C-alpha atoms as a PDB file:
ATOM      1  CA  MET A   1     -10.060 -17.795 -10.306  1.00  0.00           C
ATOM      2  CA  GLY A   2     -10.073 -16.983 -13.973  1.00  0.00           C
ATOM      3  CA  VAL A   3      -9.156 -13.448 -14.996  1.00  0.00           C
ATOM      4  CA  THR A   4     -11.236 -11.651 -17.573  1.00  0.00           C
ATOM      5  CA  THR A   5      -9.907  -8.381 -18.914  1.00  0.00           C
ATOM      6  CA  GLY A   6     -12.247  -5.564 -17.963  1.00  0.00           C
ATOM      7  CA  ALA A   7     -14.054  -7.557 -15.278  1.00  0.00           C
ATOM      8  CA  VAL A   8     -14.775  -5.921 -11.945  1.00  0.00           C
ATOM      9  CA  ASP A   9     -14.962  -7.932  -8.743  1.00  0.00           C
ATOM     10  CA  PRO A  10     -17.109  -5.931  -6.270  1.00  0.00           C
ATOM     11  CA  THR A  11     -15.320  -7.534  -3.298  1.00  0.00           C
ATOM     12  CA  ASN A  12     -12.181  -6.066  -1.781  1.00  0.00           C
ATOM     13  CA  ASN A  13     -10.067  -8.294  -4.025  1.00  0.00           C
ATOM     14  CA  GLY A  14     -10.547  -5.580  -6.606  1.00  0.00           C
ATOM     15  CA  LEU A  15     -10.275  -7.470  -9.891  1.00  0.00           C
ATOM     16  CA  HIS A  16     -10.368  -4.862 -12.667  1.00  0.00           C
ATOM     17  CA  ARG A  17      -8.934  -4.938 -16.162  1.00  0.00           C
ATOM     18  CA  GLY A  18      -7.305  -8.238 -15.359  1.00  0.00           C
ATOM     19  CA  LYS A  19      -5.540  -6.869 -12.258  1.00  0.00           C
ATOM     20  CA  ILE A  20      -6.197  -7.215  -8.534  1.00  0.00           C
ATOM     21  CA  ARG A  21      -5.543  -3.696  -7.292  1.00  0.00           C
ATOM     22  CA  CYS A  22      -4.439  -4.664  -3.775  1.00  0.00           C
ATOM     23  CA  SER A  23      -3.886  -7.994  -2.050  1.00  0.00           C
ATOM     24  CA  THR A  24      -3.179  -6.620   1.415  1.00  0.00           C
ATOM     25  CA  ARG A  25      -5.239  -8.562   3.919  1.00  0.00           C
ATOM     26  CA  GLN A  26      -8.298  -6.764   5.273  1.00  0.00           C
ATOM     27  CA  ALA A  27      -8.034  -5.911   8.960  1.00  0.00           C
ATOM     28  CA  THR A  28     -10.843  -7.163  11.174  1.00  0.00           C
ATOM     29  CA  ASP A  29     -12.980  -4.851  13.302  1.00  0.00           C
ATOM     30  CA  ALA A  30     -11.349  -6.357  16.404  1.00  0.00           C
ATOM     31  CA  GLU A  31      -7.873  -5.563  15.090  1.00  0.00           C
ATOM     32  CA  ILE A  32      -8.916  -2.050  14.190  1.00  0.00           C
ATOM     33  CA  ALA A  33     -10.364  -1.439  17.657  1.00  0.00           C
ATOM     34  CA  SER A  34      -7.163  -2.656  19.299  1.00  0.00           C
ATOM     35  CA  GLU A  35      -4.999  -0.468  17.090  1.00  0.00           C
ATOM     36  CA  GLU A  36      -7.178   2.598  17.620  1.00  0.00           C
ATOM     37  CA  ALA A  37      -6.515   2.726  21.355  1.00  0.00           C
ATOM     38  CA  ARG A  38      -2.766   2.715  20.739  1.00  0.00           C
ATOM     39  CA  ILE A  39      -2.786   5.106  17.796  1.00  0.00           C
ATOM     40  CA  ASN A  40      -5.144   7.580  19.465  1.00  0.00           C
ATOM     41  CA  ALA A  41      -2.807   7.763  22.438  1.00  0.00           C
ATOM     42  CA  SER A  42      -0.004   8.791  20.092  1.00  0.00           C
ATOM     43  CA  ALA A  43      -2.092  11.212  18.019  1.00  0.00           C
ATOM     44  CA  ALA A  44      -1.955  13.835  20.759  1.00  0.00           C
ATOM     45  CA  GLN A  45       1.842  13.835  20.767  1.00  0.00           C
ATOM     46  CA  PRO A  46       3.600  16.388  18.555  1.00  0.00           C
ATOM     47  CA  SER A  47       5.281  14.955  15.470  1.00  0.00           C
ATOM     48  CA  ALA A  48       9.042  15.024  15.911  1.00  0.00           C
ATOM     49  CA  ALA A  49      11.379  15.863  13.056  1.00  0.00           C
ATOM     50  CA  ARG A  50      12.603  12.691  11.413  1.00  0.00           C
ATOM     51  CA  ALA A  51      15.180  11.609   8.917  1.00  0.00           C
ATOM     52  CA  ALA A  52      14.154  10.252   5.550  1.00  0.00           C
ATOM     53  CA  ILE A  53      12.914   6.678   5.671  1.00  0.00           C
ATOM     54  CA  ALA A  54      15.622   4.325   4.437  1.00  0.00           C
ATOM     55  CA  VAL A  55      14.346   2.264   1.505  1.00  0.00           C
ATOM     56  CA  TYR A  56      15.876  -1.125   0.759  1.00  0.00           C
ATOM     57  CA  VAL A  57      14.922  -2.171  -2.764  1.00  0.00           C
ATOM     58  CA  HIS A  58      14.968  -5.857  -3.652  1.00  0.00           C
ATOM     59  CA  VAL A  59      14.662  -6.541  -7.377  1.00  0.00           C
ATOM     60  CA  ILE A  60      13.505 -10.097  -8.024  1.00  0.00           C
ATOM     61  CA  THR A  61      14.018 -11.526 -11.497  1.00  0.00           C
ATOM     62  CA  SER A  62      13.495 -14.923 -13.049  1.00  0.00           C
ATOM     63  CA  ALA A  63      16.364 -17.383 -12.798  1.00  0.00           C
ATOM     64  CA  SER A  64      17.418 -16.278 -16.279  1.00  0.00           C
ATOM     65  CA  GLY A  65      17.487 -12.605 -15.235  1.00  0.00           C
ATOM     66  CA  GLN A  66      14.257 -11.456 -16.859  1.00  0.00           C
ATOM     67  CA  GLY A  67      11.859  -8.892 -15.438  1.00  0.00           C
ATOM     68  CA  ALA A  68      14.030  -6.281 -13.711  1.00  0.00           C
ATOM     69  CA  PRO A  69      12.885  -2.656 -13.712  1.00  0.00           C
ATOM     70  CA  THR A  70      15.484  -0.127 -14.796  1.00  0.00           C
ATOM     71  CA  ALA A  71      17.449   2.040 -12.379  1.00  0.00           C
ATOM     72  CA  THR A  72      15.557   5.034 -13.780  1.00  0.00           C
ATOM     73  CA  GLN A  73      12.212   3.412 -12.968  1.00  0.00           C
ATOM     74  CA  ILE A  74      13.325   2.796  -9.386  1.00  0.00           C
ATOM     75  CA  THR A  75      14.496   6.410  -9.057  1.00  0.00           C
ATOM     76  CA  ASN A  76      11.204   7.635 -10.492  1.00  0.00           C
ATOM     77  CA  GLN A  77       9.255   5.394  -8.119  1.00  0.00           C
ATOM     78  CA  LEU A  78      11.014   6.971  -5.143  1.00  0.00           C
ATOM     79  CA  SER A  79      10.150  10.396  -6.562  1.00  0.00           C
ATOM     80  CA  VAL A  80       6.469   9.397  -6.753  1.00  0.00           C
ATOM     81  CA  LEU A  81       6.525   8.321  -3.092  1.00  0.00           C
ATOM     82  CA  ASN A  82       8.263  11.501  -1.997  1.00  0.00           C
ATOM     83  CA  ALA A  83       5.706  13.669  -3.794  1.00  0.00           C
ATOM     84  CA  ALA A  84       2.751  11.746  -2.354  1.00  0.00           C
ATOM     85  CA  TYR A  85       3.950  11.710   1.272  1.00  0.00           C
ATOM     86  CA  ALA A  86       5.546  15.156   1.540  1.00  0.00           C
ATOM     87  CA  GLY A  87       2.370  16.666   2.936  1.00  0.00           C
ATOM     88  CA  ALA A  88       2.375  14.141   5.786  1.00  0.00           C
ATOM     89  CA  GLY A  89       5.982  14.966   6.650  1.00  0.00           C
ATOM     90  CA  PHE A  90       7.545  11.760   5.333  1.00  0.00           C
ATOM     91  CA  SER A  91      10.325  11.350   2.809  1.00  0.00           C
ATOM     92  CA  PHE A  92      12.144   8.361   1.369  1.00  0.00           C
ATOM     93  CA  ALA A  93      15.802   7.830   0.504  1.00  0.00           C
ATOM     94  CA  LEU A  94      17.233   4.855  -1.340  1.00  0.00           C
ATOM     95  CA  ALA A  95      19.537   2.942   1.015  1.00  0.00           C
ATOM     96  CA  SER A  96      20.477   0.085  -1.305  1.00  0.00           C
ATOM     97  CA  THR A  97      19.349  -1.988  -4.254  1.00  0.00           C
ATOM     98  CA  ASN A  98      20.020  -5.675  -4.659  1.00  0.00           C
ATOM     99  CA  THR A  99      18.969  -8.195  -7.291  1.00  0.00           C
ATOM    100  CA  ALA A 100      18.015 -11.820  -6.754  1.00  0.00           C
ATOM    101  CA  ALA A 101      17.394 -14.257  -9.616  1.00  0.00           C
ATOM    102  CA  ASN A 102      14.969 -16.863  -8.284  1.00  0.00           C
ATOM    103  CA  ASP A 103      11.955 -18.292 -10.125  1.00  0.00           C
ATOM    104  CA  ALA A 104       9.988 -19.050  -6.940  1.00  0.00           C
ATOM    105  CA  TRP A 105      10.496 -15.553  -5.533  1.00  0.00           C
ATOM    106  CA  TYR A 106       9.844 -13.960  -8.913  1.00  0.00           C
ATOM    107  CA  THR A 107       6.230 -15.163  -8.774  1.00  0.00           C
ATOM    108  CA  ALA A 108       5.830 -15.090  -4.971  1.00  0.00           C
ATOM    109  CA  GLN A 109       2.318 -14.270  -3.783  1.00  0.00           C
ATOM    110  CA  PRO A 110       1.031 -13.258  -0.337  1.00  0.00           C
ATOM    111  CA  GLY A 111       1.065 -15.926   2.349  1.00  0.00           C
ATOM    112  CA  THR A 112       3.208 -18.365   0.403  1.00  0.00           C
ATOM    113  CA  THR A 113       6.387 -20.167   1.363  1.00  0.00           C
ATOM    114  CA  ALA A 114       8.112 -18.291  -1.445  1.00  0.00           C
ATOM    115  CA  GLU A 115       7.181 -14.945   0.132  1.00  0.00           C
ATOM    116  CA  ARG A 116       8.509 -16.020   3.520  1.00  0.00           C
ATOM    117  CA  ASP A 117      11.723 -17.420   2.070  1.00  0.00           C
ATOM    118  CA  MET A 118      12.320 -14.305  -0.033  1.00  0.00           C
ATOM    119  CA  LYS A 119      11.848 -11.905   2.855  1.00  0.00           C
ATOM    120  CA  THR A 120      13.807 -14.051   5.307  1.00  0.00           C
ATOM    121  CA  ALA A 121      16.772 -14.006   2.948  1.00  0.00           C
ATOM    122  CA  LEU A 122      16.618 -10.370   1.870  1.00  0.00           C
ATOM    123  CA  ARG A 123      14.943  -8.076   4.412  1.00  0.00           C
ATOM    124  CA  GLN A 124      17.162  -5.407   5.993  1.00  0.00           C
ATOM    125  CA  GLY A 125      16.821  -2.806   8.723  1.00  0.00           C
ATOM    126  CA  SER A 126      14.329  -2.414  11.539  1.00  0.00           C
ATOM    127  CA  ALA A 127      10.725  -1.300  12.043  1.00  0.00           C
ATOM    128  CA  ASP A 128      11.341   2.187  10.637  1.00  0.00           C
ATOM    129  CA  ASP A 129      13.006   1.005   7.420  1.00  0.00           C
ATOM    130  CA  LEU A 130      10.985   0.285   4.283  1.00  0.00           C
ATOM    131  CA  ASN A 131      11.725  -2.873   2.324  1.00  0.00           C
ATOM    132  CA  ILE A 132      10.228  -2.958  -1.185  1.00  0.00           C
ATOM    133  CA  TYR A 133      10.293  -6.115  -3.278  1.00  0.00           C
ATOM    134  CA  PHE A 134       9.682  -5.782  -7.023  1.00  0.00           C
ATOM    135  CA  ASN A 135       8.664  -8.981  -8.806  1.00  0.00           C
ATOM    136  CA  ASP A 136       6.222 -10.431 -11.355  1.00  0.00           C
ATOM    137  CA  MET A 137       3.846 -12.031  -8.868  1.00  0.00           C
ATOM    138  CA  GLY A 138       1.325 -13.225 -11.436  1.00  0.00           C
ATOM    139  CA  GLY A 139      -2.320 -14.035 -10.830  1.00  0.00           C
ATOM    140  CA  GLY A 140      -3.326 -10.528 -11.862  1.00  0.00           C
ATOM    141  CA  LEU A 141      -1.893  -9.120  -8.610  1.00  0.00           C
ATOM    142  CA  LEU A 142      -0.450  -5.614  -8.328  1.00  0.00           C
ATOM    143  CA  GLY A 143       0.884  -5.626  -4.773  1.00  0.00           C
ATOM    144  CA  TRP A 144       0.418  -6.107  -1.057  1.00  0.00           C
ATOM    145  CA  ALA A 145       1.760  -4.801   2.251  1.00  0.00           C
ATOM    146  CA  THR A 146       1.969  -5.470   5.960  1.00  0.00           C
ATOM    147  CA  PHE A 147       0.512  -3.161   8.605  1.00  0.00           C
ATOM    148  CA  PRO A 148       2.723  -1.506  11.248  1.00  0.00           C
ATOM    149  CA  SER A 149       0.947  -3.488  13.959  1.00  0.00           C
ATOM    150  CA  ASP A 150       2.172  -6.703  12.311  1.00  0.00           C
ATOM    151  CA  TYR A 151       5.821  -5.884  12.895  1.00  0.00           C
ATOM    152  CA  ALA A 152       6.133  -7.008  16.529  1.00  0.00           C
ATOM    153  CA  SER A 153       4.974 -10.557  15.808  1.00  0.00           C
ATOM    154  CA  LYS A 154       6.307 -10.968  12.242  1.00  0.00           C
ATOM    155  CA  PRO A 155       9.218  -8.570  11.681  1.00  0.00           C
ATOM    156  CA  THR A 156      10.724 -10.632   8.861  1.00  0.00           C
ATOM    157  CA  LEU A 157       7.579 -10.262   6.738  1.00  0.00           C
ATOM    158  CA  ASP A 158       7.422  -6.467   7.132  1.00  0.00           C
ATOM    159  CA  GLY A 159       7.377  -4.448   3.927  1.00  0.00           C
ATOM    160  CA  VAL A 160       5.630  -4.161   0.572  1.00  0.00           C
ATOM    161  CA  VAL A 161       5.719  -6.272  -2.577  1.00  0.00           C
ATOM    162  CA  ILE A 162       5.023  -4.493  -5.856  1.00  0.00           C
ATOM    163  CA  LEU A 163       4.507  -5.660  -9.423  1.00  0.00           C
ATOM    164  CA  SER A 164       7.515  -4.423 -11.391  1.00  0.00           C
ATOM    165  CA  ASP A 165       5.291  -3.432 -14.310  1.00  0.00           C
ATOM    166  CA  SER A 166       3.418  -0.975 -12.052  1.00  0.00           C
ATOM    167  CA  LEU A 167       6.491   1.244 -11.668  1.00  0.00           C
ATOM    168  CA  PRO A 168       6.515   4.496 -13.662  1.00  0.00           C
ATOM    169  CA  GLY A 169       6.786   3.604 -17.326  1.00  0.00           C
ATOM    170  CA  GLY A 170       5.927  -0.060 -16.776  1.00  0.00           C
ATOM    171  CA  GLY A 171       3.528  -2.160 -18.802  1.00  0.00           C
ATOM    172  CA  ALA A 172       0.599  -2.412 -16.359  1.00  0.00           C
ATOM    173  CA  ALA A 173      -1.407   0.576 -17.660  1.00  0.00           C
ATOM    174  CA  PRO A 174      -3.515   2.201 -16.237  1.00  0.00           C
ATOM    175  CA  TYR A 175      -1.576   1.186 -13.130  1.00  0.00           C
ATOM    176  CA  ASN A 176       1.886   2.207 -14.311  1.00  0.00           C
ATOM    177  CA  LEU A 177       2.505   5.649 -12.825  1.00  0.00           C
ATOM    178  CA  GLY A 178       3.848   4.337  -9.519  1.00  0.00           C
ATOM    179  CA  ASP A 179       0.773   4.641  -7.332  1.00  0.00           C
ATOM    180  CA  THR A 180       0.475   0.949  -6.568  1.00  0.00           C
ATOM    181  CA  ALA A 181       3.531   1.549  -4.396  1.00  0.00           C
ATOM    182  CA  THR A 182       1.949   4.724  -2.981  1.00  0.00           C
ATOM    183  CA  HIS A 183      -1.156   2.734  -2.042  1.00  0.00           C
ATOM    184  CA  GLU A 184       0.727  -0.182  -0.492  1.00  0.00           C
ATOM    185  CA  VAL A 185       3.104   2.055   1.448  1.00  0.00           C
ATOM    186  CA  GLY A 186      -0.064   3.695   2.808  1.00  0.00           C
ATOM    187  CA  HIS A 187      -0.978   0.348   4.374  1.00  0.00           C
ATOM    188  CA  TRP A 188       2.585   0.006   5.674  1.00  0.00           C
ATOM    189  CA  MET A 189       2.072   3.426   7.288  1.00  0.00           C
ATOM    190  CA  GLY A 190      -1.156   2.308   8.977  1.00  0.00           C
ATOM    191  CA  LEU A 191      -3.911   3.332   6.569  1.00  0.00           C
ATOM    192  CA  TYR A 192      -6.851   1.187   5.532  1.00  0.00           C
ATOM    193  CA  HIS A 193      -8.846   1.327   2.313  1.00  0.00           C
ATOM    194  CA  THR A 194     -11.229   4.262   2.100  1.00  0.00           C
ATOM    195  CA  PHE A 195     -14.045   1.752   1.589  1.00  0.00           C
ATOM    196  CA  GLN A 196     -13.144  -0.302   4.692  1.00  0.00           C
ATOM    197  CA  GLY A 197     -16.418  -1.475   6.234  1.00  0.00           C
ATOM    198  CA  GLY A 198     -18.603  -0.049   3.469  1.00  0.00           C
ATOM    199  CA  CYS A 199     -21.397   2.298   4.512  1.00  0.00           C
ATOM    200  CA  ASN A 200     -22.177   0.749   7.870  1.00  0.00           C
ATOM    201  CA  GLY A 201     -18.966  -0.820   9.171  1.00  0.00           C
ATOM    202  CA  ALA A 202     -16.162   0.526  11.332  1.00  0.00           C
ATOM    203  CA  GLY A 203     -14.747   2.498   8.421  1.00  0.00           C
ATOM    204  CA  ASP A 204     -11.114   3.440   7.882  1.00  0.00           C
ATOM    205  CA  SER A 205     -10.791   5.276  11.233  1.00  0.00           C
ATOM    206  CA  VAL A 206     -10.189   8.609   9.474  1.00  0.00           C
ATOM    207  CA  GLY A 207     -12.810  11.315   9.909  1.00  0.00           C
ATOM    208  CA  ASP A 208     -12.236  13.251   6.694  1.00  0.00           C
ATOM    209  CA  THR A 209     -12.492  10.340   4.237  1.00  0.00           C
ATOM    210  CA  PRO A 210     -16.230   9.936   3.577  1.00  0.00           C
ATOM    211  CA  ALA A 211     -17.513   6.368   3.646  1.00  0.00           C
ATOM    212  CA  GLU A 212     -18.035   4.578   0.348  1.00  0.00           C
ATOM    213  CA  LYS A 213     -19.961   1.394  -0.303  1.00  0.00           C
ATOM    214  CA  ALA A 214     -17.200  -0.403  -2.214  1.00  0.00           C
ATOM    215  CA  ALA A 215     -14.008   0.227  -4.121  1.00  0.00           C
ATOM    216  CA  THR A 216     -14.132   2.599  -7.087  1.00  0.00           C
ATOM    217  CA  PHE A 217     -12.406   1.681 -10.358  1.00  0.00           C
ATOM    218  CA  GLY A 218     -11.360   3.709 -13.370  1.00  0.00           C
ATOM    219  CA  CYS A 219     -11.969   7.430 -12.829  1.00  0.00           C
ATOM    220  CA  PRO A 220     -15.720   8.040 -12.966  1.00  0.00           C
ATOM    221  CA  ALA A 221     -17.721  11.128 -12.140  1.00  0.00           C
ATOM    222  CA  GLN A 222     -17.504  11.347  -8.357  1.00  0.00           C
ATOM    223  CA  PRO A 223     -20.331   9.243  -6.870  1.00  0.00           C
ATOM    224  CA  ASP A 224     -21.909   9.342  -3.409  1.00  0.00           C
ATOM    225  CA  THR A 225     -22.603   5.724  -2.516  1.00  0.00           C
ATOM    226  CA  CYS A 226     -23.162   6.187   1.247  1.00  0.00           C
ATOM    227  CA  THR A 227     -25.927   8.508   2.390  1.00  0.00           C
ATOM    228  CA  LYS A 228     -26.492   6.854   5.782  1.00  0.00           C
ATOM    229  CA  GLY A 229     -24.176   5.357   8.350  1.00  0.00           C
ATOM    230  CA  LYS A 230     -20.918   6.353  10.020  1.00  0.00           C
ATOM    231  CA  ASN A 231     -19.068   9.215   8.318  1.00  0.00           C
ATOM    232  CA  ALA A 232     -21.502   9.194   5.387  1.00  0.00           C
ATOM    233  CA  ALA A 233     -21.390  12.922   4.630  1.00  0.00           C
ATOM    234  CA  GLY A 234     -19.552  13.756   1.426  1.00  0.00           C
ATOM    235  CA  VAL A 235     -18.935  12.221  -1.977  1.00  0.00           C
ATOM    236  CA  ASP A 236     -16.772   9.125  -2.333  1.00  0.00           C
ATOM    237  CA  PRO A 237     -13.038   9.845  -1.988  1.00  0.00           C
ATOM    238  CA  ILE A 238     -12.154   8.436  -5.400  1.00  0.00           C
ATOM    239  CA  HIS A 239      -9.042  10.601  -5.763  1.00  0.00           C
ATOM    240  CA  ASN A 240      -7.578   9.223  -2.557  1.00  0.00           C
ATOM    241  CA  TYR A 241      -4.507   7.004  -2.795  1.00  0.00           C
ATOM    242  CA  MET A 242      -6.274   4.401  -0.632  1.00  0.00           C
ATOM    243  CA  ASP A 243      -9.118   3.770  -3.093  1.00  0.00           C
ATOM    244  CA  TYR A 244      -8.763   1.527  -6.179  1.00  0.00           C
ATOM    245  CA  THR A 245      -8.993   4.063  -9.006  1.00  0.00           C
ATOM    246  CA  ASP A 246      -6.517   4.342 -11.882  1.00  0.00           C
ATOM    247  CA  ASP A 247      -3.133   5.859 -11.120  1.00  0.00           C
ATOM    248  CA  ASP A 248      -3.891   9.072 -12.992  1.00  0.00           C
ATOM    249  CA  CYS A 249      -7.058   9.513 -10.898  1.00  0.00           C
ATOM    250  CA  MET A 250      -5.260   9.363  -7.530  1.00  0.00           C
ATOM    251  CA  PHE A 251      -3.627  12.454  -6.084  1.00  0.00           C
ATOM    252  CA  GLU A 252      -4.314  12.914  -2.381  1.00  0.00           C
ATOM    253  CA  PHE A 253      -4.055  11.901   1.221  1.00  0.00           C
ATOM    254  CA  THR A 254      -6.285  13.855   3.606  1.00  0.00           C
ATOM    255  CA  PRO A 255      -5.095  15.760   6.688  1.00  0.00           C
ATOM    256  CA  GLY A 256      -6.754  13.061   8.794  1.00  0.00           C
ATOM    257  CA  GLN A 257      -4.792  10.354   7.032  1.00  0.00           C
ATOM    258  CA  SER A 258      -1.599  12.323   7.590  1.00  0.00           C
ATOM    259  CA  THR A 259      -2.384  12.563  11.293  1.00  0.00           C
ATOM    260  CA  ARG A 260      -3.076   8.840  11.443  1.00  0.00           C
ATOM    261  CA  MET A 261       0.148   7.936   9.635  1.00  0.00           C
ATOM    262  CA  ASN A 262       2.178  10.057  12.026  1.00  0.00           C
ATOM    263  CA  ALA A 263       0.461   8.550  15.065  1.00  0.00           C
ATOM    264  CA  ALA A 264       0.937   5.016  13.736  1.00  0.00           C
ATOM    265  CA  TRP A 265       4.588   5.794  13.052  1.00  0.00           C
ATOM    266  CA  THR A 266       5.085   6.942  16.635  1.00  0.00           C
ATOM    267  CA  SER A 267       3.157   3.959  17.982  1.00  0.00           C
ATOM    268  CA  TYR A 268       4.685   1.179  15.930  1.00  0.00           C
ATOM    269  CA  ARG A 269       7.662   2.245  13.831  1.00  0.00           C
ATOM    270  CA  THR A 270       9.736   4.627  15.908  1.00  0.00           C
ATOM    271  CA  ALA A 271      13.037   2.839  16.556  1.00  0.00           C
ATOM    272  CA  LYS A 272      13.298   1.787  20.206  1.00  0.00           C
END
């Protein structure tokens, strides 16, 4: 598909200003229903104290070594994650950083052989360790993630892939304050988009994120696009990290999202 700067794709692909905000696959209603039974069973359990999540950073460059973020950018990205997730009781600590120079991996996109080969070669840790791959994926993409429920069947693919230019200080403005990673780690933690299902679908399974008809872009005056349907009360949650607004417009997870992340962690990511 051709990319036109400033264009907005009203589908969940989220093409805006030449960038696709999130390429994480959309969960089906059947998948959501299956996950809800498991997560709800864990939601009643008290959250146990946990160590910081170990983060394995994989910097992918071109074969000639182009495209690596700086060490400062990586440190700042971890700081952005720690600030965003502190309220939910999660923290992140850099475990290691490695660099791989590989043209195919440098432009790897979701579902490709290059993605599988990259992750097979580089992924470290277990279900409760976060692997982040920074590359220049192309195609206007900003990033994608796997869900915690994916780990059992496809552990090698677990993790998030992030456009290097979206790190703090990168060149992907207005998506260069580090919140692409915040958004994608949200999926890795078990959250869906706030606009999942639109006004009348199953929604994002979180009671305090009002339904919205479709993704919101930029940072407009707060609209109210759903006045009927499940969880319709309230204006659209455009400041939520799981919408598609600009980085400087995002600043919150709700208490319900925090509860869901903790329950999903207990259900799917607690080391056995």
